[in-house]
């Protein structure tokens, strides 16, 4: 491992964004190429890259110089991140295919439609309880179907901020939905 890589990595551990950018610039092409070969899709490879550097920045992946070269370590992080993202996407696609198959098999009953309407009202009521910024993010992500990157771009936010707001909003939604269920539904107090 080059001494420069170790210096940069140690600076990243101390919160130096410039050092993270320098590591990114140095390894971007190698890691993207590796991720693309693993995933086979441009968007997934970009997501892998982002996740790898988030892991480095947040220290969810930590390098130990006694175990080998930095370049080998960061390639390993990329490999495992690629595997995780591919599995996650396959599970999402499988679930969507199951839902489509179910929808094509039978028309929903009147009871199903009434239940869906009631569930929709409960979710809308819970979303109203979110802060304005969380509500906006949830509306864009779940109801308008924008990607996290598109939201970040349109709202002039970092991707990490968007992900954090979605995570926090979902946490608040779970709590709010639980409160609504305890009260017995929408309009019951």
C-alpha atoms as a PDB file:
ATOM      1  CA  UNK A   1       0.000   0.000   0.000  1.00  0.00           C
ATOM      2  CA  UNK A   2       1.229   3.454  -0.746  1.00  0.00           C
ATOM      3  CA  UNK A   3       1.897   5.709   2.211  1.00  0.00           C
ATOM      4  CA  UNK A   4      -0.317   8.290   0.520  1.00  0.00           C
ATOM      5  CA  UNK A   5      -3.352   5.936   0.665  1.00  0.00           C
ATOM      6  CA  UNK A   6      -2.807   5.368   4.378  1.00  0.00           C
ATOM      7  CA  UNK A   7      -2.378   9.108   4.978  1.00  0.00           C
ATOM      8  CA  UNK A   8      -5.572   9.864   3.056  1.00  0.00           C
ATOM      9  CA  UNK A   9      -7.488   7.133   4.854  1.00  0.00           C
ATOM     10  CA  UNK A  10      -6.360   8.430   8.254  1.00  0.00           C
ATOM     11  CA  UNK A  11      -7.403  11.948   7.231  1.00  0.00           C
ATOM     12  CA  UNK A  12     -10.838  10.588   6.240  1.00  0.00           C
ATOM     13  CA  UNK A  13     -11.132   9.018   9.703  1.00  0.00           C
ATOM     14  CA  UNK A  14     -10.547  12.514  11.107  1.00  0.00           C
ATOM     15  CA  UNK A  15     -13.372  13.925   8.958  1.00  0.00           C
ATOM     16  CA  UNK A  16     -11.349  15.408   6.088  1.00  0.00           C
ATOM     17  CA  UNK A  17     -13.691  15.585   3.060  1.00  0.00           C
ATOM     18  CA  UNK A  18     -10.838  16.601   0.791  1.00  0.00           C
ATOM     19  CA  UNK A  19      -9.027  13.363   1.598  1.00  0.00           C
ATOM     20  CA  UNK A  20     -12.183  11.400   0.793  1.00  0.00           C
ATOM     21  CA  UNK A  21     -12.448  13.205  -2.550  1.00  0.00           C
ATOM     22  CA  UNK A  22      -8.815  12.409  -3.299  1.00  0.00           C
ATOM     23  CA  UNK A  23      -9.377   8.711  -2.537  1.00  0.00           C
ATOM     24  CA  UNK A  24     -12.499   8.807  -4.683  1.00  0.00           C
ATOM     25  CA  UNK A  25     -10.627  10.396  -7.583  1.00  0.00           C
ATOM     26  CA  UNK A  26      -7.847   7.820  -7.301  1.00  0.00           C
ATOM     27  CA  UNK A  27     -10.077   4.718  -7.123  1.00  0.00           C
ATOM     28  CA  UNK A  28     -13.229   5.840  -8.950  1.00  0.00           C
ATOM     29  CA  UNK A  29     -12.497   4.205 -12.323  1.00  0.00           C
ATOM     30  CA  UNK A  30     -11.211   0.953 -10.845  1.00  0.00           C
ATOM     31  CA  UNK A  31     -14.122   0.545  -8.432  1.00  0.00           C
ATOM     32  CA  UNK A  32     -16.758   1.585 -10.970  1.00  0.00           C
ATOM     33  CA  UNK A  33     -15.369  -0.890 -13.504  1.00  0.00           C
ATOM     34  CA  UNK A  34     -15.333  -3.646 -10.882  1.00  0.00           C
ATOM     35  CA  UNK A  35     -18.867  -2.818  -9.709  1.00  0.00           C
ATOM     36  CA  UNK A  36     -20.172  -2.652 -13.279  1.00  0.00           C
ATOM     37  CA  UNK A  37     -18.757  -6.103 -14.021  1.00  0.00           C
ATOM     38  CA  UNK A  38     -20.394  -7.430 -10.848  1.00  0.00           C
ATOM     39  CA  UNK A  39     -23.799  -5.799 -11.364  1.00  0.00           C
ATOM     40  CA  UNK A  40     -24.041  -5.444 -15.124  1.00  0.00           C
ATOM     41  CA  UNK A  41     -25.946  -2.160 -14.864  1.00  0.00           C
ATOM     42  CA  UNK A  42     -24.733   1.421 -14.863  1.00  0.00           C
ATOM     43  CA  UNK A  43     -27.192   2.616 -12.196  1.00  0.00           C
ATOM     44  CA  UNK A  44     -26.353  -0.237  -9.843  1.00  0.00           C
ATOM     45  CA  UNK A  45     -22.621   0.310 -10.329  1.00  0.00           C
ATOM     46  CA  UNK A  46     -23.099   3.980  -9.426  1.00  0.00           C
ATOM     47  CA  UNK A  47     -25.104   2.986  -6.346  1.00  0.00           C
ATOM     48  CA  UNK A  48     -22.319   0.585  -5.324  1.00  0.00           C
ATOM     49  CA  UNK A  49     -19.735   3.352  -5.675  1.00  0.00           C
ATOM     50  CA  UNK A  50     -21.794   5.679  -3.549  1.00  0.00           C
ATOM     51  CA  UNK A  51     -22.333   3.049  -0.862  1.00  0.00           C
ATOM     52  CA  UNK A  52     -18.637   2.130  -0.754  1.00  0.00           C
ATOM     53  CA  UNK A  53     -17.564   5.713  -0.114  1.00  0.00           C
ATOM     54  CA  UNK A  54     -20.373   6.239   2.386  1.00  0.00           C
ATOM     55  CA  UNK A  55     -19.090   3.179   4.251  1.00  0.00           C
ATOM     56  CA  UNK A  56     -15.559   4.602   4.214  1.00  0.00           C
ATOM     57  CA  UNK A  57     -16.746   8.044   5.332  1.00  0.00           C
ATOM     58  CA  UNK A  58     -19.041   6.762   8.101  1.00  0.00           C
ATOM     59  CA  UNK A  59     -16.462   4.140   9.130  1.00  0.00           C
ATOM     60  CA  UNK A  60     -18.906   1.265   8.621  1.00  0.00           C
ATOM     61  CA  UNK A  61     -16.049  -0.354   6.740  1.00  0.00           C
ATOM     62  CA  UNK A  62     -12.684   0.031   8.409  1.00  0.00           C
ATOM     63  CA  UNK A  63      -9.293  -0.667   6.939  1.00  0.00           C
ATOM     64  CA  UNK A  64      -6.588  -2.510   8.867  1.00  0.00           C
ATOM     65  CA  UNK A  65      -3.154  -2.000   7.266  1.00  0.00           C
ATOM     66  CA  UNK A  66      -1.814  -5.155   8.939  1.00  0.00           C
ATOM     67  CA  UNK A  67      -4.184  -7.276   6.843  1.00  0.00           C
ATOM     68  CA  UNK A  68      -3.108  -6.111   3.397  1.00  0.00           C
ATOM     69  CA  UNK A  69      -3.058  -3.348   0.834  1.00  0.00           C
ATOM     70  CA  UNK A  70      -5.618  -0.552   0.858  1.00  0.00           C
ATOM     71  CA  UNK A  71      -6.484  -1.160  -2.797  1.00  0.00           C
ATOM     72  CA  UNK A  72      -7.278  -4.826  -2.063  1.00  0.00           C
ATOM     73  CA  UNK A  73      -9.403  -3.840   0.911  1.00  0.00           C
ATOM     74  CA  UNK A  74     -11.440  -1.235  -0.968  1.00  0.00           C
ATOM     75  CA  UNK A  75     -11.998  -3.725  -3.814  1.00  0.00           C
ATOM     76  CA  UNK A  76     -13.289  -6.228  -1.244  1.00  0.00           C
ATOM     77  CA  UNK A  77     -15.664  -3.617   0.168  1.00  0.00           C
ATOM     78  CA  UNK A  78     -16.838  -2.941  -3.394  1.00  0.00           C
ATOM     79  CA  UNK A  79     -17.314  -6.642  -4.075  1.00  0.00           C
ATOM     80  CA  UNK A  80     -19.447  -7.226  -0.976  1.00  0.00           C
ATOM     81  CA  UNK A  81     -21.433  -4.041  -1.559  1.00  0.00           C
ATOM     82  CA  UNK A  82     -22.113  -5.149  -5.156  1.00  0.00           C
ATOM     83  CA  UNK A  83     -23.363  -8.509  -3.938  1.00  0.00           C
ATOM     84  CA  UNK A  84     -25.646  -6.852  -1.371  1.00  0.00           C
ATOM     85  CA  UNK A  85     -27.133  -4.437  -3.900  1.00  0.00           C
ATOM     86  CA  UNK A  86     -27.679  -7.132  -6.541  1.00  0.00           C
ATOM     87  CA  UNK A  87     -29.434  -9.332  -3.965  1.00  0.00           C
ATOM     88  CA  UNK A  88     -31.550  -6.424  -2.784  1.00  0.00           C
ATOM     89  CA  UNK A  89     -32.588  -5.566  -6.354  1.00  0.00           C
ATOM     90  CA  UNK A  90     -33.362  -9.223  -7.153  1.00  0.00           C
ATOM     91  CA  UNK A  91     -35.590  -9.444  -4.070  1.00  0.00           C
ATOM     92  CA  UNK A  92     -37.386  -6.230  -5.047  1.00  0.00           C
ATOM     93  CA  UNK A  93     -37.895  -7.445  -8.607  1.00  0.00           C
ATOM     94  CA  UNK A  94     -39.145 -10.812  -7.372  1.00  0.00           C
ATOM     95  CA  UNK A  95     -41.641  -9.105  -5.057  1.00  0.00           C
ATOM     96  CA  UNK A  96     -42.874  -6.862  -7.868  1.00  0.00           C
ATOM     97  CA  UNK A  97     -43.312  -9.860 -10.169  1.00  0.00           C
ATOM     98  CA  UNK A  98     -45.287 -11.676  -7.462  1.00  0.00           C
ATOM     99  CA  UNK A  99     -47.529  -8.630  -7.021  1.00  0.00           C
ATOM    100  CA  UNK A 100     -48.120  -8.345 -10.777  1.00  0.00           C
ATOM    101  CA  UNK A 101     -48.962 -12.052 -11.001  1.00  0.00           C
ATOM    102  CA  UNK A 102     -51.414 -11.713  -8.126  1.00  0.00           C
ATOM    103  CA  UNK A 103     -53.049  -8.661  -9.694  1.00  0.00           C
ATOM    104  CA  UNK A 104     -53.521 -10.432 -13.026  1.00  0.00           C
ATOM    105  CA  UNK A 105     -55.038 -13.551 -11.449  1.00  0.00           C
ATOM    106  CA  UNK A 106     -58.202 -12.014 -10.058  1.00  0.00           C
ATOM    107  CA  UNK A 107     -60.136  -8.787  -9.844  1.00  0.00           C
ATOM    108  CA  UNK A 108     -60.203  -7.252  -6.363  1.00  0.00           C
ATOM    109  CA  UNK A 109     -63.394  -7.788  -4.409  1.00  0.00           C
ATOM    110  CA  UNK A 110     -65.501  -4.951  -3.023  1.00  0.00           C
ATOM    111  CA  UNK A 111     -64.120  -5.800   0.420  1.00  0.00           C
ATOM    112  CA  UNK A 112     -60.541  -5.533  -0.873  1.00  0.00           C
ATOM    113  CA  UNK A 113     -61.271  -2.168  -2.473  1.00  0.00           C
ATOM    114  CA  UNK A 114     -62.852  -0.869   0.746  1.00  0.00           C
ATOM    115  CA  UNK A 115     -59.882  -2.087   2.786  1.00  0.00           C
ATOM    116  CA  UNK A 116     -57.381  -0.496   0.384  1.00  0.00           C
ATOM    117  CA  UNK A 117     -59.283   2.785   0.540  1.00  0.00           C
ATOM    118  CA  UNK A 118     -59.275   2.691   4.333  1.00  0.00           C
ATOM    119  CA  UNK A 119     -55.560   1.833   4.428  1.00  0.00           C
ATOM    120  CA  UNK A 120     -54.876   4.696   2.006  1.00  0.00           C
ATOM    121  CA  UNK A 121     -56.710   7.119   4.276  1.00  0.00           C
ATOM    122  CA  UNK A 122     -54.717   5.910   7.267  1.00  0.00           C
ATOM    123  CA  UNK A 123     -51.417   6.351   5.409  1.00  0.00           C
ATOM    124  CA  UNK A 124     -52.417   9.823   4.141  1.00  0.00           C
ATOM    125  CA  UNK A 125     -53.354  10.848   7.694  1.00  0.00           C
ATOM    126  CA  UNK A 126     -50.006   9.582   9.008  1.00  0.00           C
ATOM    127  CA  UNK A 127     -48.084  11.420   6.248  1.00  0.00           C
ATOM    128  CA  UNK A 128     -49.853  14.668   7.241  1.00  0.00           C
ATOM    129  CA  UNK A 129     -48.256  14.359  10.686  1.00  0.00           C
ATOM    130  CA  UNK A 130     -44.705  14.470   9.278  1.00  0.00           C
ATOM    131  CA  UNK A 131     -42.638  17.640   9.244  1.00  0.00           C
ATOM    132  CA  UNK A 132     -42.905  19.665   6.043  1.00  0.00           C
ATOM    133  CA  UNK A 133     -39.488  18.536   4.740  1.00  0.00           C
ATOM    134  CA  UNK A 134     -40.157  14.860   5.505  1.00  0.00           C
ATOM    135  CA  UNK A 135     -43.618  15.064   3.950  1.00  0.00           C
ATOM    136  CA  UNK A 136     -42.127  16.552   0.777  1.00  0.00           C
ATOM    137  CA  UNK A 137     -39.472  13.815   0.525  1.00  0.00           C
ATOM    138  CA  UNK A 138     -42.053  11.043   1.079  1.00  0.00           C
ATOM    139  CA  UNK A 139     -44.394  12.578  -1.500  1.00  0.00           C
ATOM    140  CA  UNK A 140     -41.608  12.747  -4.085  1.00  0.00           C
ATOM    141  CA  UNK A 141     -40.191   9.293  -3.352  1.00  0.00           C
ATOM    142  CA  UNK A 142     -43.257   7.137  -2.755  1.00  0.00           C
ATOM    143  CA  UNK A 143     -46.108   8.955  -4.449  1.00  0.00           C
ATOM    144  CA  UNK A 144     -44.368  10.616  -7.402  1.00  0.00           C
ATOM    145  CA  UNK A 145     -41.821   7.806  -7.890  1.00  0.00           C
ATOM    146  CA  UNK A 146     -38.668   9.938  -8.039  1.00  0.00           C
ATOM    147  CA  UNK A 147     -35.366   8.239  -7.290  1.00  0.00           C
ATOM    148  CA  UNK A 148     -33.288   9.402  -4.350  1.00  0.00           C
ATOM    149  CA  UNK A 149     -30.833  10.989  -6.789  1.00  0.00           C
ATOM    150  CA  UNK A 150     -33.633  12.863  -8.575  1.00  0.00           C
ATOM    151  CA  UNK A 151     -34.936  14.147  -5.252  1.00  0.00           C
ATOM    152  CA  UNK A 152     -31.444  15.258  -4.225  1.00  0.00           C
ATOM    153  CA  UNK A 153     -31.042  17.118  -7.501  1.00  0.00           C
ATOM    154  CA  UNK A 154     -34.483  18.740  -7.535  1.00  0.00           C
ATOM    155  CA  UNK A 155     -34.329  19.777  -3.856  1.00  0.00           C
ATOM    156  CA  UNK A 156     -30.667  20.815  -3.991  1.00  0.00           C
ATOM    157  CA  UNK A 157     -29.764  18.364  -1.212  1.00  0.00           C
ATOM    158  CA  UNK A 158     -27.010  15.813  -0.841  1.00  0.00           C
ATOM    159  CA  UNK A 159     -27.963  12.206  -1.521  1.00  0.00           C
ATOM    160  CA  UNK A 160     -27.065  11.326   2.064  1.00  0.00           C
ATOM    161  CA  UNK A 161     -29.464  13.985   3.359  1.00  0.00           C
ATOM    162  CA  UNK A 162     -32.271  12.602   1.192  1.00  0.00           C
ATOM    163  CA  UNK A 163     -31.611   9.048   2.407  1.00  0.00           C
ATOM    164  CA  UNK A 164     -31.512  10.235   6.008  1.00  0.00           C
ATOM    165  CA  UNK A 165     -34.779  12.143   5.666  1.00  0.00           C
ATOM    166  CA  UNK A 166     -36.500   9.153   4.084  1.00  0.00           C
ATOM    167  CA  UNK A 167     -35.252   6.900   6.876  1.00  0.00           C
ATOM    168  CA  UNK A 168     -36.372   9.359   9.562  1.00  0.00           C
ATOM    169  CA  UNK A 169     -39.727   9.936   7.866  1.00  0.00           C
ATOM    170  CA  UNK A 170     -40.370   6.187   7.713  1.00  0.00           C
ATOM    171  CA  UNK A 171     -39.529   5.896  11.408  1.00  0.00           C
ATOM    172  CA  UNK A 172     -42.025   8.663  12.199  1.00  0.00           C
ATOM    173  CA  UNK A 173     -44.627   7.101   9.882  1.00  0.00           C
ATOM    174  CA  UNK A 174     -44.346   3.750  11.656  1.00  0.00           C
ATOM    175  CA  UNK A 175     -44.902   5.491  14.987  1.00  0.00           C
ATOM    176  CA  UNK A 176     -47.816   7.523  13.646  1.00  0.00           C
ATOM    177  CA  UNK A 177     -49.452   4.479  12.021  1.00  0.00           C
ATOM    178  CA  UNK A 178     -49.125   2.637  15.313  1.00  0.00           C
ATOM    179  CA  UNK A 179     -50.809   5.567  17.114  1.00  0.00           C
ATOM    180  CA  UNK A 180     -53.640   5.636  14.558  1.00  0.00           C
ATOM    181  CA  UNK A 181     -54.205   1.871  14.938  1.00  0.00           C
ATOM    182  CA  UNK A 182     -54.269   2.208  18.737  1.00  0.00           C
ATOM    183  CA  UNK A 183     -56.961   4.898  18.427  1.00  0.00           C
ATOM    184  CA  UNK A 184     -58.984   2.604  16.174  1.00  0.00           C
ATOM    185  CA  UNK A 185     -58.473   4.247  12.783  1.00  0.00           C
ATOM    186  CA  UNK A 186     -58.827   7.592  11.024  1.00  0.00           C
ATOM    187  CA  UNK A 187     -61.247  10.050  12.561  1.00  0.00           C
ATOM    188  CA  UNK A 188     -61.495   8.121  15.847  1.00  0.00           C
ATOM    189  CA  UNK A 189     -60.059   9.929  18.837  1.00  0.00           C
END
